[in-house]
Amino acid sequence: MVSPFAQEVFILGITLDGKTFRPSDWAERLAGVMSSFRPGGSQPGSHLSYSPWCTPNAVNGVKCVVVHPDLRNAEPMAWDFCLNFARDNNLQVVDACSLPVPKRP
């Protein structure tokens, strides 16, 4: 269960029994499907970039999708789609907050 106070939700590419989820491009596919859900709504060409509310990433070498709670506020069905994807595929889900990458001197 995801907390309603979550800063972000990380859907990890590891199943609940510890196996790597396949296909290997699952994170990019899920984020691509969600690309039209963005601040200001879908615009011409918005399908060519990821939504800031649903982005593919990696944590410790594990592919993941980071889902921002603004998606839940703007499009509850899209939020549910992401969480149902994780549940249906038995994926680990973590409430977290991503930190900015420090700038190198």
C-alpha atoms as a PDB file:
ATOM      1  CA  MET A   1       0.000   0.000   0.000  1.00  0.00           C
ATOM      2  CA  VAL A   2       1.348   3.400  -0.965  1.00  0.00           C
ATOM      3  CA  SER A   3       1.110   6.151   1.617  1.00  0.00           C
ATOM      4  CA  PRO A   4      -1.021   9.142   0.604  1.00  0.00           C
ATOM      5  CA  PHE A   5       1.848  11.277   1.935  1.00  0.00           C
ATOM      6  CA  ALA A   6       4.538   9.716  -0.286  1.00  0.00           C
ATOM      7  CA  GLN A   7       6.951  12.185  -1.863  1.00  0.00           C
ATOM      8  CA  GLU A   8       7.471   9.825  -4.784  1.00  0.00           C
ATOM      9  CA  VAL A   9       6.791   6.183  -5.527  1.00  0.00           C
ATOM     10  CA  PHE A  10       9.559   4.019  -6.941  1.00  0.00           C
ATOM     11  CA  ILE A  11       8.390   0.984  -8.898  1.00  0.00           C
ATOM     12  CA  LEU A  12      11.432  -1.265  -8.891  1.00  0.00           C
ATOM     13  CA  GLY A  13      12.274  -3.769 -11.612  1.00  0.00           C
ATOM     14  CA  ILE A  14      12.592  -6.522  -9.012  1.00  0.00           C
ATOM     15  CA  THR A  15       9.701  -8.863  -8.269  1.00  0.00           C
ATOM     16  CA  LEU A  16       8.591  -9.571  -4.714  1.00  0.00           C
ATOM     17  CA  ASP A  17      10.460 -12.886  -4.906  1.00  0.00           C
ATOM     18  CA  GLY A  18      13.700 -11.123  -5.934  1.00  0.00           C
ATOM     19  CA  LYS A  19      13.792 -11.827  -9.679  1.00  0.00           C
ATOM     20  CA  THR A  20      14.716  -9.215 -12.281  1.00  0.00           C
ATOM     21  CA  PHE A  21      11.638  -8.094 -14.192  1.00  0.00           C
ATOM     22  CA  ARG A  22      11.652  -8.545 -17.958  1.00  0.00           C
ATOM     23  CA  PRO A  23      11.604  -7.215 -20.631  1.00  0.00           C
ATOM     24  CA  SER A  24      14.673  -5.117 -19.946  1.00  0.00           C
ATOM     25  CA  ASP A  25      13.056  -1.950 -21.352  1.00  0.00           C
ATOM     26  CA  TRP A  26       9.925  -2.172 -19.177  1.00  0.00           C
ATOM     27  CA  ALA A  27      10.664   1.144 -17.391  1.00  0.00           C
ATOM     28  CA  GLU A  28      11.007   3.090 -20.619  1.00  0.00           C
ATOM     29  CA  ARG A  29       7.816   1.497 -21.966  1.00  0.00           C
ATOM     30  CA  LEU A  30       5.770   2.352 -18.867  1.00  0.00           C
ATOM     31  CA  ALA A  31       7.107   5.920 -18.763  1.00  0.00           C
ATOM     32  CA  GLY A  32       6.447   6.249 -22.497  1.00  0.00           C
ATOM     33  CA  VAL A  33       2.807   5.248 -22.044  1.00  0.00           C
ATOM     34  CA  MET A  34       2.501   7.915 -19.346  1.00  0.00           C
ATOM     35  CA  SER A  35       4.227  10.662 -21.395  1.00  0.00           C
ATOM     36  CA  SER A  36       1.024  12.557 -22.191  1.00  0.00           C
ATOM     37  CA  PHE A  37       0.201  13.045 -18.505  1.00  0.00           C
ATOM     38  CA  ARG A  38       2.108  16.199 -17.647  1.00  0.00           C
ATOM     39  CA  PRO A  39       1.695  19.695 -16.237  1.00  0.00           C
ATOM     40  CA  GLY A  40      -0.425  21.677 -18.667  1.00  0.00           C
ATOM     41  CA  GLY A  41      -1.714  18.523 -20.324  1.00  0.00           C
ATOM     42  CA  SER A  42      -0.683  16.849 -23.524  1.00  0.00           C
ATOM     43  CA  GLN A  43       0.811  19.130 -26.165  1.00  0.00           C
ATOM     44  CA  PRO A  44       1.893  18.439 -29.752  1.00  0.00           C
ATOM     45  CA  GLY A  45       5.137  16.505 -29.542  1.00  0.00           C
ATOM     46  CA  SER A  46       4.805  15.688 -25.836  1.00  0.00           C
ATOM     47  CA  HIS A  47       4.904  11.997 -26.689  1.00  0.00           C
ATOM     48  CA  LEU A  48       8.568  12.516 -27.591  1.00  0.00           C
ATOM     49  CA  SER A  49       9.659  13.116 -23.989  1.00  0.00           C
ATOM     50  CA  TYR A  50       8.848  11.606 -20.619  1.00  0.00           C
ATOM     51  CA  SER A  51       6.415  13.274 -18.284  1.00  0.00           C
ATOM     52  CA  PRO A  52       8.079  14.823 -15.228  1.00  0.00           C
ATOM     53  CA  TRP A  53       5.481  12.878 -13.224  1.00  0.00           C
ATOM     54  CA  CYS A  54       6.611   9.436 -14.435  1.00  0.00           C
ATOM     55  CA  THR A  55      10.235   8.883 -15.362  1.00  0.00           C
ATOM     56  CA  PRO A  56      12.455   5.858 -15.910  1.00  0.00           C
ATOM     57  CA  ASN A  57      15.503   5.738 -13.680  1.00  0.00           C
ATOM     58  CA  ALA A  58      17.866   3.332 -11.932  1.00  0.00           C
ATOM     59  CA  VAL A  59      18.585   2.817  -8.242  1.00  0.00           C
ATOM     60  CA  ASN A  60      21.707   0.844  -7.370  1.00  0.00           C
ATOM     61  CA  GLY A  61      21.717  -0.604 -10.878  1.00  0.00           C
ATOM     62  CA  VAL A  62      18.058  -1.671 -10.707  1.00  0.00           C
ATOM     63  CA  LYS A  63      15.707  -0.203 -13.298  1.00  0.00           C
ATOM     64  CA  CYS A  64      12.755   1.642 -11.842  1.00  0.00           C
ATOM     65  CA  VAL A  65      10.046   4.143 -12.632  1.00  0.00           C
ATOM     66  CA  VAL A  66       9.673   7.148 -10.371  1.00  0.00           C
ATOM     67  CA  VAL A  67       6.054   8.293 -10.105  1.00  0.00           C
ATOM     68  CA  HIS A  68       5.399  11.727  -8.622  1.00  0.00           C
ATOM     69  CA  PRO A  69       2.245  12.305  -6.527  1.00  0.00           C
ATOM     70  CA  ASP A  70       1.241  15.217  -8.775  1.00  0.00           C
ATOM     71  CA  LEU A  71       0.167  12.512 -11.228  1.00  0.00           C
ATOM     72  CA  ARG A  72      -2.296  11.220  -8.614  1.00  0.00           C
ATOM     73  CA  ASN A  73      -3.715  14.729  -8.150  1.00  0.00           C
ATOM     74  CA  ALA A  74      -3.995  15.518 -11.868  1.00  0.00           C
ATOM     75  CA  GLU A  75      -4.946  12.098 -13.282  1.00  0.00           C
ATOM     76  CA  PRO A  76      -6.017   9.550 -10.651  1.00  0.00           C
ATOM     77  CA  MET A  77      -6.653   6.864 -13.280  1.00  0.00           C
ATOM     78  CA  ALA A  78      -3.101   7.241 -14.646  1.00  0.00           C
ATOM     79  CA  TRP A  79      -1.741   6.944 -11.081  1.00  0.00           C
ATOM     80  CA  ASP A  80      -3.832   3.812 -10.558  1.00  0.00           C
ATOM     81  CA  PHE A  81      -2.583   2.419 -13.872  1.00  0.00           C
ATOM     82  CA  CYS A  82       1.043   2.692 -12.686  1.00  0.00           C
ATOM     83  CA  LEU A  83       0.343   1.113  -9.305  1.00  0.00           C
ATOM     84  CA  ASN A  84      -1.797  -1.632 -10.857  1.00  0.00           C
ATOM     85  CA  PHE A  85       1.030  -2.344 -13.305  1.00  0.00           C
ATOM     86  CA  ALA A  86       3.339  -2.883 -10.335  1.00  0.00           C
ATOM     87  CA  ARG A  87       0.802  -5.034  -8.493  1.00  0.00           C
ATOM     88  CA  ASP A  88      -0.134  -7.108 -11.550  1.00  0.00           C
ATOM     89  CA  ASN A  89       3.543  -7.827 -12.258  1.00  0.00           C
ATOM     90  CA  ASN A  90       4.429  -8.493  -8.622  1.00  0.00           C
ATOM     91  CA  LEU A  91       6.957  -5.631  -8.548  1.00  0.00           C
ATOM     92  CA  GLN A  92       8.429  -4.030  -5.450  1.00  0.00           C
ATOM     93  CA  VAL A  93       7.098  -0.541  -4.711  1.00  0.00           C
ATOM     94  CA  VAL A  94       8.840   1.888  -2.358  1.00  0.00           C
ATOM     95  CA  ASP A  95       7.724   5.266  -1.020  1.00  0.00           C
ATOM     96  CA  ALA A  96      10.762   7.516  -1.283  1.00  0.00           C
ATOM     97  CA  CYS A  97      12.094  10.849  -2.359  1.00  0.00           C
ATOM     98  CA  SER A  98      14.749  11.229  -5.018  1.00  0.00           C
ATOM     99  CA  LEU A  99      17.563  13.606  -4.264  1.00  0.00           C
ATOM    100  CA  PRO A 100      19.191  15.878  -6.823  1.00  0.00           C
ATOM    101  CA  VAL A 101      22.526  14.743  -8.154  1.00  0.00           C
ATOM    102  CA  PRO A 102      25.251  16.880  -6.548  1.00  0.00           C
ATOM    103  CA  LYS A 103      27.159  19.106  -8.949  1.00  0.00           C
ATOM    104  CA  ARG A 104      30.818  18.326  -9.348  1.00  0.00           C
ATOM    105  CA  PRO A 105      33.282  21.095  -8.518  1.00  0.00           C
END
